[in-house]
C-alpha atoms as a PDB file:
ATOM      1  CA  MET A   1       0.064   8.122  -0.188  1.00  0.00           C
ATOM      2  CA  SER A   2       0.334   4.959  -2.471  1.00  0.00           C
ATOM      3  CA  GLY A   3       3.302   3.590  -4.604  1.00  0.00           C
ATOM      4  CA  PRO A   4       3.968   5.705  -8.037  1.00  0.00           C
ATOM      5  CA  VAL A   5       1.172   4.929 -10.113  1.00  0.00           C
ATOM      6  CA  LEU A   6       2.685   3.196 -13.032  1.00  0.00           C
ATOM      7  CA  ASP A   7       3.392   0.373 -10.424  1.00  0.00           C
ATOM      8  CA  GLN A   8      -0.139   0.044  -9.438  1.00  0.00           C
ATOM      9  CA  LEU A   9      -0.559  -1.053 -13.245  1.00  0.00           C
ATOM     10  CA  LYS A  10       0.694  -4.473 -11.584  1.00  0.00           C
ATOM     11  CA  ASP A  11      -3.021  -4.011 -10.586  1.00  0.00           C
ATOM     12  CA  ALA A  12      -5.072  -6.200 -12.944  1.00  0.00           C
ATOM     13  CA  ARG A  13      -8.047  -4.403 -12.123  1.00  0.00           C
ATOM     14  CA  LEU A  14      -6.948  -1.100 -12.335  1.00  0.00           C
ATOM     15  CA  GLY A  15      -5.300  -2.053 -15.838  1.00  0.00           C
ATOM     16  CA  ALA A  16      -8.753  -3.771 -16.928  1.00  0.00           C
ATOM     17  CA  GLU A  17     -10.484  -0.490 -16.281  1.00  0.00           C
ATOM     18  CA  TRP A  18     -12.695   1.812 -19.009  1.00  0.00           C
ATOM     19  CA  PHE A  19     -11.215   5.186 -18.090  1.00  0.00           C
ATOM     20  CA  ALA A  20     -12.936   8.549 -19.194  1.00  0.00           C
ATOM     21  CA  VAL A  21     -10.396  10.796 -20.687  1.00  0.00           C
ATOM     22  CA  GLY A  22     -12.290  13.286 -22.286  1.00  0.00           C
ATOM     23  CA  TRP A  23     -15.601  14.424 -24.259  1.00  0.00           C
ATOM     24  CA  SER A  24     -16.450  13.359 -28.281  1.00  0.00           C
ATOM     25  CA  ARG A  25     -16.426  16.673 -29.252  1.00  0.00           C
ATOM     26  CA  GLU A  26     -13.055  17.697 -27.518  1.00  0.00           C
ATOM     27  CA  VAL A  27     -11.347  15.592 -30.499  1.00  0.00           C
ATOM     28  CA  LYS A  28     -12.208  17.396 -33.812  1.00  0.00           C
ATOM     29  CA  ALA A  29     -11.482  15.461 -37.509  1.00  0.00           C
ATOM     30  CA  GLY A  30      -7.732  15.318 -38.257  1.00  0.00           C
ATOM     31  CA  LYS A  31      -7.298  16.915 -34.725  1.00  0.00           C
ATOM     32  CA  THR A  32      -5.314  15.653 -31.967  1.00  0.00           C
ATOM     33  CA  LEU A  33      -5.453  15.845 -28.156  1.00  0.00           C
ATOM     34  CA  THR A  34      -3.536  14.594 -25.268  1.00  0.00           C
ATOM     35  CA  ARG A  35      -4.776  13.258 -22.199  1.00  0.00           C
ATOM     36  CA  ARG A  36      -2.455  12.022 -18.706  1.00  0.00           C
ATOM     37  CA  VAL A  37      -3.788   8.788 -17.248  1.00  0.00           C
ATOM     38  CA  LEU A  38      -2.152   6.377 -14.743  1.00  0.00           C
ATOM     39  CA  GLY A  39       1.088   8.713 -14.874  1.00  0.00           C
ATOM     40  CA  ARG A  40       1.495   8.272 -18.857  1.00  0.00           C
ATOM     41  CA  ASP A  41       0.470  10.475 -21.395  1.00  0.00           C
ATOM     42  CA  VAL A  42      -1.922   9.785 -24.192  1.00  0.00           C
ATOM     43  CA  ALA A  43      -2.246  11.205 -28.012  1.00  0.00           C
ATOM     44  CA  LEU A  44      -6.181  11.145 -28.707  1.00  0.00           C
ATOM     45  CA  TRP A  45      -6.510  11.610 -32.721  1.00  0.00           C
ATOM     46  CA  ARG A  46      -9.297  11.475 -35.580  1.00  0.00           C
ATOM     47  CA  PRO A  47      -8.765  10.994 -39.264  1.00  0.00           C
ATOM     48  CA  ALA A  48      -9.799  14.272 -41.789  1.00  0.00           C
ATOM     49  CA  ALA A  49     -13.226  12.162 -42.822  1.00  0.00           C
ATOM     50  CA  GLY A  50     -13.689  12.456 -38.934  1.00  0.00           C
ATOM     51  CA  ASP A  51     -14.452   8.345 -38.776  1.00  0.00           C
ATOM     52  CA  GLY A  52     -13.114   6.382 -35.927  1.00  0.00           C
ATOM     53  CA  LEU A  53     -10.916   7.549 -33.176  1.00  0.00           C
ATOM     54  CA  HIS A  54      -7.150   6.487 -31.971  1.00  0.00           C
ATOM     55  CA  CYS A  55      -5.501   6.278 -28.265  1.00  0.00           C
ATOM     56  CA  TRP A  56      -1.887   5.819 -28.625  1.00  0.00           C
ATOM     57  CA  LEU A  57       1.216   6.286 -26.218  1.00  0.00           C
ATOM     58  CA  ASP A  58       1.935  10.036 -26.294  1.00  0.00           C
ATOM     59  CA  LEU A  59       5.784   9.416 -27.493  1.00  0.00           C
ATOM     60  CA  CYS A  60       8.025   8.550 -30.914  1.00  0.00           C
ATOM     61  CA  ILE A  61       9.313   5.155 -30.530  1.00  0.00           C
ATOM     62  CA  HIS A  62      12.441   7.290 -32.365  1.00  0.00           C
ATOM     63  CA  ARG A  63      13.543   9.669 -29.974  1.00  0.00           C
ATOM     64  CA  GLY A  64      10.668  10.111 -28.000  1.00  0.00           C
ATOM     65  CA  ALA A  65       8.815  13.319 -29.402  1.00  0.00           C
ATOM     66  CA  LYS A  66       5.532  13.474 -28.546  1.00  0.00           C
ATOM     67  CA  LEU A  67       2.668  12.426 -31.186  1.00  0.00           C
ATOM     68  CA  SER A  68       0.562  14.741 -30.021  1.00  0.00           C
ATOM     69  CA  LEU A  69       2.303  17.886 -31.372  1.00  0.00           C
ATOM     70  CA  GLY A  70       2.127  16.265 -34.718  1.00  0.00           C
ATOM     71  CA  GLU A  71      -0.579  16.699 -37.584  1.00  0.00           C
ATOM     72  CA  VAL A  72      -2.752  14.046 -39.203  1.00  0.00           C
ATOM     73  CA  ARG A  73      -2.320  14.045 -43.326  1.00  0.00           C
ATOM     74  CA  PRO A  74      -3.519  11.977 -46.002  1.00  0.00           C
ATOM     75  CA  GLY A  75      -1.519   8.309 -46.816  1.00  0.00           C
ATOM     76  CA  VAL A  76      -1.677   5.427 -48.415  1.00  0.00           C
ATOM     77  CA  GLY A  77      -4.925   3.403 -46.651  1.00  0.00           C
ATOM     78  CA  GLY A  78      -6.209   6.169 -44.982  1.00  0.00           C
ATOM     79  CA  ASP A  79      -4.620   8.888 -42.891  1.00  0.00           C
ATOM     80  CA  CYS A  80      -1.650   8.992 -40.790  1.00  0.00           C
ATOM     81  CA  LEU A  81      -0.365  11.042 -38.005  1.00  0.00           C
ATOM     82  CA  VAL A  82       3.365  12.267 -38.219  1.00  0.00           C
ATOM     83  CA  CYS A  83       5.430  13.087 -35.858  1.00  0.00           C
ATOM     84  CA  PRO A  84       6.809  16.656 -35.168  1.00  0.00           C
ATOM     85  CA  TYR A  85      10.085  15.805 -34.997  1.00  0.00           C
ATOM     86  CA  HIS A  86      11.183  14.039 -37.517  1.00  0.00           C
ATOM     87  CA  GLY A  87       7.960  13.826 -39.895  1.00  0.00           C
ATOM     88  CA  TRP A  88       7.717   9.331 -39.223  1.00  0.00           C
ATOM     89  CA  ARG A  89       4.470   8.881 -40.485  1.00  0.00           C
ATOM     90  CA  TYR A  90       2.672   6.426 -38.428  1.00  0.00           C
ATOM     91  CA  ALA A  91      -0.954   4.543 -39.934  1.00  0.00           C
ATOM     92  CA  GLU A  92      -3.911   4.255 -38.227  1.00  0.00           C
ATOM     93  CA  SER A  93      -3.045   0.699 -36.999  1.00  0.00           C
ATOM     94  CA  GLY A  94      -0.084   2.346 -35.411  1.00  0.00           C
ATOM     95  CA  GLN A  95       2.802   0.915 -38.052  1.00  0.00           C
ATOM     96  CA  CYS A  96       5.354   3.341 -38.805  1.00  0.00           C
ATOM     97  CA  VAL A  97       4.963   3.565 -43.201  1.00  0.00           C
ATOM     98  CA  SER A  98       7.521   6.350 -43.626  1.00  0.00           C
ATOM     99  CA  ILE A  99      10.355   7.676 -42.577  1.00  0.00           C
ATOM    100  CA  PRO A 100      11.930  10.427 -44.771  1.00  0.00           C
ATOM    101  CA  ALA A 101      15.093  10.687 -44.263  1.00  0.00           C
ATOM    102  CA  HIS A 102      15.410   7.249 -45.792  1.00  0.00           C
ATOM    103  CA  PRO A 103      12.953   7.231 -48.187  1.00  0.00           C
ATOM    104  CA  GLY A 104      13.429   3.906 -49.293  1.00  0.00           C
ATOM    105  CA  LEU A 105      13.363   2.287 -45.933  1.00  0.00           C
ATOM    106  CA  ILE A 106      10.533  -0.083 -45.224  1.00  0.00           C
ATOM    107  CA  PRO A 107      10.454   0.706 -41.668  1.00  0.00           C
ATOM    108  CA  PRO A 108      11.157  -1.877 -39.100  1.00  0.00           C
ATOM    109  CA  VAL A 109       8.141  -4.014 -37.792  1.00  0.00           C
ATOM    110  CA  LYS A 110       8.893  -2.200 -34.428  1.00  0.00           C
ATOM    111  CA  ALA A 111       8.509   0.956 -35.586  1.00  0.00           C
ATOM    112  CA  ARG A 112       5.470   1.454 -34.494  1.00  0.00           C
ATOM    113  CA  ALA A 113       3.084   3.421 -31.907  1.00  0.00           C
ATOM    114  CA  GLN A 114       1.472   1.717 -28.593  1.00  0.00           C
ATOM    115  CA  VAL A 115      -1.702   1.175 -29.698  1.00  0.00           C
ATOM    116  CA  PHE A 116      -4.489   1.760 -26.311  1.00  0.00           C
ATOM    117  CA  LYS A 117      -8.254   0.469 -27.101  1.00  0.00           C
ATOM    118  CA  VAL A 118     -10.651   3.502 -26.925  1.00  0.00           C
ATOM    119  CA  ARG A 119     -14.665   3.504 -27.428  1.00  0.00           C
ATOM    120  CA  GLU A 120     -17.408   6.301 -27.451  1.00  0.00           C
ATOM    121  CA  ARG A 121     -20.376   5.953 -25.399  1.00  0.00           C
ATOM    122  CA  TYR A 122     -22.667   9.088 -24.399  1.00  0.00           C
ATOM    123  CA  GLY A 123     -20.179  11.854 -25.784  1.00  0.00           C
ATOM    124  CA  VAL A 124     -17.597  10.349 -23.401  1.00  0.00           C
ATOM    125  CA  ILE A 125     -13.555   8.858 -24.623  1.00  0.00           C
ATOM    126  CA  TRP A 126     -13.180   5.615 -22.856  1.00  0.00           C
ATOM    127  CA  ILE A 127      -9.688   4.042 -22.904  1.00  0.00           C
ATOM    128  CA  CYS A 128      -8.318   1.440 -21.150  1.00  0.00           C
ATOM    129  CA  LEU A 129      -4.824   1.205 -20.715  1.00  0.00           C
ATOM    130  CA  GLY A 130      -4.871  -3.092 -20.445  1.00  0.00           C
ATOM    131  CA  GLU A 131      -6.565  -5.884 -21.364  1.00  0.00           C
ATOM    132  CA  PRO A 132     -10.609  -5.030 -20.597  1.00  0.00           C
ATOM    133  CA  GLY A 133     -12.268  -6.890 -17.585  1.00  0.00           C
ATOM    134  CA  GLY A 134     -15.863  -6.299 -19.328  1.00  0.00           C
ATOM    135  CA  GLU A 135     -17.957  -3.953 -21.852  1.00  0.00           C
ATOM    136  CA  LEU A 136     -18.317   0.130 -20.613  1.00  0.00           C
ATOM    137  CA  PRO A 137     -20.781   0.786 -17.921  1.00  0.00           C
ATOM    138  CA  GLU A 138     -23.931   0.913 -19.011  1.00  0.00           C
ATOM    139  CA  PHE A 139     -26.350   3.667 -18.017  1.00  0.00           C
ATOM    140  CA  PRO A 140     -29.310   3.225 -19.268  1.00  0.00           C
ATOM    141  CA  ILE A 141     -31.266   6.533 -19.072  1.00  0.00           C
ATOM    142  CA  ALA A 142     -28.426   8.073 -20.746  1.00  0.00           C
ATOM    143  CA  GLU A 143     -29.719   6.411 -24.032  1.00  0.00           C
ATOM    144  CA  ASP A 144     -33.825   7.485 -23.027  1.00  0.00           C
ATOM    145  CA  GLU A 145     -34.809   9.918 -25.897  1.00  0.00           C
ATOM    146  CA  SER A 146     -37.071  11.537 -23.213  1.00  0.00           C
ATOM    147  CA  PHE A 147     -33.867  12.482 -21.340  1.00  0.00           C
ATOM    148  CA  ARG A 148     -31.708  15.451 -21.682  1.00  0.00           C
ATOM    149  CA  VAL A 149     -27.800  15.058 -21.501  1.00  0.00           C
ATOM    150  CA  LEU A 150     -25.084  16.366 -20.142  1.00  0.00           C
ATOM    151  CA  LEU A 151     -21.652  16.382 -19.385  1.00  0.00           C
ATOM    152  CA  ALA A 152     -19.815  17.783 -16.469  1.00  0.00           C
ATOM    153  CA  GLY A 153     -16.178  18.160 -15.708  1.00  0.00           C
ATOM    154  CA  PRO A 154     -13.148  17.327 -15.453  1.00  0.00           C
ATOM    155  CA  TYR A 155     -13.021  17.703 -11.705  1.00  0.00           C
ATOM    156  CA  ARG A 156      -9.522  17.842 -10.411  1.00  0.00           C
ATOM    157  CA  PHE A 157      -8.832  16.085  -6.708  1.00  0.00           C
ATOM    158  CA  LYS A 158      -5.955  16.095  -4.688  1.00  0.00           C
ATOM    159  CA  ALA A 159      -7.302  12.735  -4.158  1.00  0.00           C
ATOM    160  CA  LEU A 160      -7.191   8.886  -4.976  1.00  0.00           C
ATOM    161  CA  GLY A 161      -9.958   7.413  -6.760  1.00  0.00           C
ATOM    162  CA  PRO A 162     -11.483   5.422  -4.326  1.00  0.00           C
ATOM    163  CA  ARG A 163     -11.915   7.925  -1.803  1.00  0.00           C
ATOM    164  CA  LEU A 164     -14.158   9.993  -4.188  1.00  0.00           C
ATOM    165  CA  ILE A 165     -16.461   6.826  -5.482  1.00  0.00           C
ATOM    166  CA  GLU A 166     -16.816   6.406  -1.724  1.00  0.00           C
ATOM    167  CA  ASN A 167     -18.014   9.875  -1.653  1.00  0.00           C
ATOM    168  CA  LEU A 168     -20.314   9.516  -3.859  1.00  0.00           C
ATOM    169  CA  LEU A 169     -22.438   7.033  -2.248  1.00  0.00           C
ATOM    170  CA  ASP A 170     -22.107   8.686   0.712  1.00  0.00           C
ATOM    171  CA  VAL A 171     -26.053   9.835   1.401  1.00  0.00           C
ATOM    172  CA  ALA A 172     -25.243  10.868   4.746  1.00  0.00           C
ATOM    173  CA  HIS A 173     -23.298  13.705   4.078  1.00  0.00           C
ATOM    174  CA  LEU A 174     -25.903  15.623   1.283  1.00  0.00           C
ATOM    175  CA  GLY A 175     -27.325  17.090   4.454  1.00  0.00           C
ATOM    176  CA  ILE A 176     -24.050  18.362   5.879  1.00  0.00           C
ATOM    177  CA  VAL A 177     -21.525  19.111   2.953  1.00  0.00           C
ATOM    178  CA  HIS A 178     -24.777  20.294   0.734  1.00  0.00           C
ATOM    179  CA  ALA A 179     -26.642  21.810   2.942  1.00  0.00           C
ATOM    180  CA  GLY A 180     -29.869  23.721   1.535  1.00  0.00           C
ATOM    181  CA  LEU A 181     -28.864  21.986  -1.935  1.00  0.00           C
ATOM    182  CA  LEU A 182     -29.163  18.362  -2.061  1.00  0.00           C
ATOM    183  CA  GLY A 183     -30.193  18.095   1.939  1.00  0.00           C
ATOM    184  CA  ASP A 184     -31.199  18.861   5.299  1.00  0.00           C
ATOM    185  CA  PRO A 185     -28.613  19.353   8.091  1.00  0.00           C
ATOM    186  CA  GLU A 186     -31.261  17.638  10.817  1.00  0.00           C
ATOM    187  CA  GLY A 187     -32.805  15.056   8.241  1.00  0.00           C
ATOM    188  CA  GLU A 188     -32.395  11.315   9.385  1.00  0.00           C
ATOM    189  CA  ILE A 189     -31.247   8.699   7.094  1.00  0.00           C
ATOM    190  CA  GLU A 190     -33.439   6.354   6.804  1.00  0.00           C
ATOM    191  CA  ASP A 191     -32.783   2.139   6.946  1.00  0.00           C
ATOM    192  CA  TYR A 192     -31.872   0.683   3.430  1.00  0.00           C
ATOM    193  CA  GLU A 193     -30.463  -2.395   2.088  1.00  0.00           C
ATOM    194  CA  VAL A 194     -27.719  -3.550   0.808  1.00  0.00           C
ATOM    195  CA  GLY A 195     -27.213  -5.560  -2.499  1.00  0.00           C
ATOM    196  CA  MET A 196     -25.043  -6.740  -5.299  1.00  0.00           C
ATOM    197  CA  GLY A 197     -25.819  -5.785  -8.797  1.00  0.00           C
ATOM    198  CA  THR A 198     -24.271  -6.583 -12.153  1.00  0.00           C
ATOM    199  CA  GLY A 199     -21.300  -4.392 -11.545  1.00  0.00           C
ATOM    200  CA  GLY A 200     -21.000  -4.282  -7.692  1.00  0.00           C
ATOM    201  CA  PRO A 201     -23.048  -2.943  -4.614  1.00  0.00           C
ATOM    202  CA  GLU A 202     -25.992  -1.735  -5.074  1.00  0.00           C
ATOM    203  CA  ALA A 203     -28.965   0.089  -2.923  1.00  0.00           C
ATOM    204  CA  LYS A 204     -31.748   0.757  -4.540  1.00  0.00           C
ATOM    205  CA  GLU A 205     -34.191   2.602  -1.900  1.00  0.00           C
ATOM    206  CA  ILE A 206     -32.761   5.350   0.092  1.00  0.00           C
ATOM    207  CA  ARG A 207     -34.818   7.845   0.857  1.00  0.00           C
ATOM    208  CA  ILE A 208     -34.164  11.361   2.080  1.00  0.00           C
ATOM    209  CA  PHE A 209     -35.647  14.533   2.347  1.00  0.00           C
ATOM    210  CA  GLN A 210     -34.120  17.420   0.373  1.00  0.00           C
ATOM    211  CA  PRO A 211     -35.311  21.221   0.646  1.00  0.00           C
ATOM    212  CA  ASN A 212     -35.170  21.764  -3.471  1.00  0.00           C
ATOM    213  CA  PRO A 213     -34.890  18.477  -5.131  1.00  0.00           C
ATOM    214  CA  ASP A 214     -36.230  19.497  -8.659  1.00  0.00           C
ATOM    215  CA  GLY A 215     -35.499  23.250  -8.493  1.00  0.00           C
ATOM    216  CA  THR A 216     -39.146  24.765  -7.682  1.00  0.00           C
ATOM    217  CA  GLY A 217     -38.057  25.189  -4.152  1.00  0.00           C
ATOM    218  CA  ALA A 218     -40.222  22.942  -2.735  1.00  0.00           C
ATOM    219  CA  GLY A 219     -38.969  20.311   0.032  1.00  0.00           C
ATOM    220  CA  ALA A 220     -40.307  16.744  -0.724  1.00  0.00           C
ATOM    221  CA  HIS A 221     -39.063  13.297   0.175  1.00  0.00           C
ATOM    222  CA  ILE A 222     -36.736  11.665  -2.675  1.00  0.00           C
ATOM    223  CA  ARG A 223     -35.591   8.250  -3.290  1.00  0.00           C
ATOM    224  CA  TYR A 224     -31.946   7.006  -4.460  1.00  0.00           C
ATOM    225  CA  HIS A 225     -31.139   4.197  -6.153  1.00  0.00           C
ATOM    226  CA  TYR A 226     -27.050   3.845  -6.012  1.00  0.00           C
ATOM    227  CA  GLU A 227     -25.052   1.507  -7.894  1.00  0.00           C
ATOM    228  CA  VAL A 228     -21.480   0.767  -8.251  1.00  0.00           C
ATOM    229  CA  LYS A 229     -20.560  -0.363 -11.796  1.00  0.00           C
ATOM    230  CA  GLY A 230     -16.495  -0.551 -11.248  1.00  0.00           C
ATOM    231  CA  PRO A 231     -14.091  -0.089  -8.752  1.00  0.00           C
ATOM    232  CA  LEU A 232     -13.418   3.689  -9.913  1.00  0.00           C
ATOM    233  CA  THR A 233     -16.683   3.717 -11.737  1.00  0.00           C
ATOM    234  CA  ALA A 234     -20.760   4.679  -9.681  1.00  0.00           C
ATOM    235  CA  GLY A 235     -23.768   6.222 -10.384  1.00  0.00           C
ATOM    236  CA  PHE A 236     -27.234   6.837  -8.899  1.00  0.00           C
ATOM    237  CA  VAL A 237     -30.946   7.769  -9.417  1.00  0.00           C
ATOM    238  CA  LYS A 238     -32.697  10.402  -8.173  1.00  0.00           C
ATOM    239  CA  TYR A 239     -36.612   9.508  -8.198  1.00  0.00           C
ATOM    240  CA  HIS A 240     -38.821  12.679  -7.664  1.00  0.00           C
ATOM    241  CA  GLY A 241     -42.819  11.477  -8.701  1.00  0.00           C
ATOM    242  CA  GLU A 242     -42.585  11.329 -12.196  1.00  0.00           C
ATOM    243  CA  GLN A 243     -38.940  12.870 -12.341  1.00  0.00           C
ATOM    244  CA  ARG A 244     -35.755  11.394 -12.484  1.00  0.00           C
ATOM    245  CA  PHE A 245     -31.996  12.601 -12.130  1.00  0.00           C
ATOM    246  CA  GLY A 246     -29.306   9.967 -13.280  1.00  0.00           C
ATOM    247  CA  MET A 247     -25.396  10.689 -13.077  1.00  0.00           C
ATOM    248  CA  LEU A 248     -22.290   8.339 -13.883  1.00  0.00           C
ATOM    249  CA  ALA A 249     -19.509   9.378 -11.924  1.00  0.00           C
ATOM    250  CA  GLN A 250     -15.924   7.762 -13.789  1.00  0.00           C
ATOM    251  CA  VAL A 251     -13.017   8.783 -11.784  1.00  0.00           C
ATOM    252  CA  ALA A 252      -9.574   8.369 -13.634  1.00  0.00           C
ATOM    253  CA  PRO A 253      -6.196   8.512 -11.879  1.00  0.00           C
ATOM    254  CA  VAL A 254      -3.868  11.245 -13.588  1.00  0.00           C
ATOM    255  CA  ASP A 255      -0.693  10.256 -11.643  1.00  0.00           C
ATOM    256  CA  ASP A 256       0.384   9.748  -7.739  1.00  0.00           C
ATOM    257  CA  GLU A 257      -1.666  12.079  -6.177  1.00  0.00           C
ATOM    258  CA  THR A 258      -4.276  12.786  -8.156  1.00  0.00           C
ATOM    259  CA  CYS A 259      -7.539  12.136  -9.974  1.00  0.00           C
ATOM    260  CA  GLU A 260      -9.809  13.361 -12.557  1.00  0.00           C
ATOM    261  CA  MET A 261     -13.640  13.087 -12.234  1.00  0.00           C
ATOM    262  CA  ARG A 262     -16.204  13.129 -15.178  1.00  0.00           C
ATOM    263  CA  LEU A 263     -19.646  12.925 -14.891  1.00  0.00           C
ATOM    264  CA  VAL A 264     -22.763  12.500 -16.953  1.00  0.00           C
ATOM    265  CA  MET A 265     -25.725  13.286 -15.785  1.00  0.00           C
ATOM    266  CA  ALA A 266     -29.242  12.429 -17.622  1.00  0.00           C
ATOM    267  CA  MET A 267     -33.147  13.906 -16.881  1.00  0.00           C
ATOM    268  CA  ASN A 268     -36.315  14.153 -17.971  1.00  0.00           C
ATOM    269  CA  TYR A 269     -37.375  17.713 -16.875  1.00  0.00           C
ATOM    270  CA  GLY A 270     -36.229  20.920 -16.426  1.00  0.00           C
ATOM    271  CA  GLN A 271     -35.792  20.985 -20.209  1.00  0.00           C
ATOM    272  CA  GLU A 272     -36.453  24.717 -20.102  1.00  0.00           C
ATOM    273  CA  ILE A 273     -32.999  25.281 -17.524  1.00  0.00           C
ATOM    274  CA  PRO A 274     -30.009  26.990 -19.399  1.00  0.00           C
ATOM    275  CA  GLU A 275     -27.076  23.793 -19.525  1.00  0.00           C
ATOM    276  CA  GLU A 276     -25.028  26.592 -18.093  1.00  0.00           C
ATOM    277  CA  GLU A 277     -27.028  26.646 -15.000  1.00  0.00           C
ATOM    278  CA  LEU A 278     -27.236  23.072 -13.946  1.00  0.00           C
ATOM    279  CA  ILE A 279     -22.812  22.571 -15.158  1.00  0.00           C
ATOM    280  CA  THR A 280     -22.833  25.705 -12.718  1.00  0.00           C
ATOM    281  CA  PHE A 281     -24.581  24.020 -10.219  1.00  0.00           C
ATOM    282  CA  GLN A 282     -23.354  20.920 -10.226  1.00  0.00           C
ATOM    283  CA  ASP A 283     -19.562  22.762 -10.486  1.00  0.00           C
ATOM    284  CA  ARG A 284     -20.481  24.465  -6.750  1.00  0.00           C
ATOM    285  CA  VAL A 285     -21.683  20.614  -5.541  1.00  0.00           C
ATOM    286  CA  THR A 286     -18.428  19.300  -6.692  1.00  0.00           C
ATOM    287  CA  GLU A 287     -16.608  22.131  -4.886  1.00  0.00           C
ATOM    288  CA  GLN A 288     -17.989  20.982  -1.927  1.00  0.00           C
ATOM    289  CA  ASP A 289     -17.049  17.338  -2.378  1.00  0.00           C
ATOM    290  CA  ARG A 290     -13.544  18.404  -3.168  1.00  0.00           C
ATOM    291  CA  VAL A 291     -13.053  20.137   0.041  1.00  0.00           C
ATOM    292  CA  ILE A 292     -13.987  17.656   2.182  1.00  0.00           C
ATOM    293  CA  VAL A 293     -12.107  14.160   0.347  1.00  0.00           C
ATOM    294  CA  GLU A 294      -8.805  16.306  -0.274  1.00  0.00           C
ATOM    295  CA  SER A 295      -9.236  16.482   3.650  1.00  0.00           C
ATOM    296  CA  GLN A 296      -9.509  13.078   4.316  1.00  0.00           C
ATOM    297  CA  ARG A 297      -7.020  10.769   6.134  1.00  0.00           C
ATOM    298  CA  PRO A 298      -5.851   8.670   5.861  1.00  0.00           C
ATOM    299  CA  GLU A 299      -5.452   9.369   2.054  1.00  0.00           C
ATOM    300  CA  LEU A 300      -5.793   5.046   1.143  1.00  0.00           C
ATOM    301  CA  LEU A 301      -9.077   4.018   1.670  1.00  0.00           C
ATOM    302  CA  PRO A 302      -8.887   1.846   4.593  1.00  0.00           C
ATOM    303  CA  LEU A 303     -10.403  -1.528   3.434  1.00  0.00           C
ATOM    304  CA  ASP A 304     -10.270  -3.400   7.303  1.00  0.00           C
ATOM    305  CA  LEU A 305     -13.392  -2.297   8.664  1.00  0.00           C
ATOM    306  CA  GLN A 306     -11.848  -2.228  12.360  1.00  0.00           C
ATOM    307  CA  ALA A 307      -9.937   0.936  10.939  1.00  0.00           C
ATOM    308  CA  GLU A 308     -13.025   4.150  10.928  1.00  0.00           C
ATOM    309  CA  LEU A 309     -16.350   3.835  13.124  1.00  0.00           C
ATOM    310  CA  HIS A 310     -19.134   3.049  10.843  1.00  0.00           C
ATOM    311  CA  LEU A 311     -22.992   3.463  11.120  1.00  0.00           C
ATOM    312  CA  ARG A 312     -26.173   1.763   9.658  1.00  0.00           C
ATOM    313  CA  SER A 313     -26.308   5.104   6.911  1.00  0.00           C
ATOM    314  CA  ASP A 314     -22.831   4.071   5.771  1.00  0.00           C
ATOM    315  CA  ARG A 315     -24.014   0.505   4.267  1.00  0.00           C
ATOM    316  CA  MET A 316     -23.253   1.407   0.889  1.00  0.00           C
ATOM    317  CA  ALA A 317     -19.824   2.404   1.951  1.00  0.00           C
ATOM    318  CA  ILE A 318     -19.262  -0.592   3.895  1.00  0.00           C
ATOM    319  CA  ALA A 319     -20.252  -2.612   0.774  1.00  0.00           C
ATOM    320  CA  TYR A 320     -18.070  -0.668  -1.750  1.00  0.00           C
ATOM    321  CA  ARG A 321     -14.998  -1.244   0.749  1.00  0.00           C
ATOM    322  CA  ARG A 322     -15.668  -5.057   1.142  1.00  0.00           C
ATOM    323  CA  TRP A 323     -15.931  -5.519  -2.025  1.00  0.00           C
ATOM    324  CA  LEU A 324     -12.933  -3.676  -3.226  1.00  0.00           C
ATOM    325  CA  ARG A 325     -11.256  -6.257  -0.565  1.00  0.00           C
ATOM    326  CA  GLU A 326     -13.107  -9.156  -2.442  1.00  0.00           C
ATOM    327  CA  ILE A 327     -11.908  -8.724  -5.670  1.00  0.00           C
ATOM    328  CA  GLY A 328      -8.461  -7.958  -4.687  1.00  0.00           C
ATOM    329  CA  PHE A 329      -8.463  -4.025  -6.013  1.00  0.00           C
ATOM    330  CA  THR A 330      -5.374  -2.363  -4.671  1.00  0.00           C
ATOM    331  CA  TYR A 331      -4.910   1.139  -5.917  1.00  0.00           C
ATOM    332  CA  GLY A 332      -6.112   3.999  -3.508  1.00  0.00           C
ATOM    333  CA  THR A 333      -6.584   1.350  -0.993  1.00  0.00           C
ATOM    334  CA  ASN A 334      -5.161  -0.063   2.494  1.00  0.00           C
ATOM    335  CA  ASP A 335      -5.894  -3.786   3.213  1.00  0.00           C
ATOM    336  CA  GLY A 336      -4.156  -3.935   6.282  1.00  0.00           C
ATOM    337  CA  GLY A 337      -5.999  -0.716   8.980  1.00  0.00           C
ATOM    338  CA  ALA A 338      -5.168   2.857   8.959  1.00  0.00           C
ATOM    339  CA  ALA A 339      -2.216   4.247   7.042  1.00  0.00           C
END
């Protein structure tokens, strides 16, 4: 297994990533929410007016209480998050502006919360614990009004991020792990080419047969366009005639052994299908993946291509491993062969 997650923050790529840690709908106006990512607890909170969103280390600098247990209250120039232990008031900038036990004291500059960058897009809360290495991942069809957008997860895996992303990119497992749902056990994977997209490797034309690609029960050949958008972020768009279904997957390391995956899905058909039914289907598919991914050994993804056997149907996975090695991404990987 990997070393401590906090040590992995030495990997500049990991600290520069945008992680999906929740849904915008989960943080109500004037409320807080806590999440754990990269071995750190963070507090998410909104002002009572509902404008904006803040992400801080979930820790009061005074005596280490969780700020997420506190309340959002009005303050001068905006709302404050109040520590539940000694009532220290932190302004939206993160600076402590009031200490009840010493009302005449101007809090020192160092009396402030550790503030992280936070954004919202596609109904997702994205945070970065370091200096962002780029913009948020692009998922254009989620911005198309003709597409229905669904949010699925979080799905917790006792596995490390690169194994999850490689599983998403593995077209050959669809007919085996998801037989009868997403593939045919006897279906051949046609040859395909892999190139380099704006964020990482991509394969635009992967054709496979699926027994029920659109819920009608009629089998058909469909096309997949896979695209890596970051070391722990990837997606695909599936084409069947005029119908399109897309998925953006983001994996956030929780601690040394576990990760959470959140999915943004978009589709331009099936408006009559209840959201609960679609999410339940995805839950079933992801559970099938979880059993397999958690069983894989070594836990660290081998970047040395001599460590495992590869076939032409593995081209996207091979490109992903090579790319991780090229950019120097170390979390969840082993660059020296099997571990």
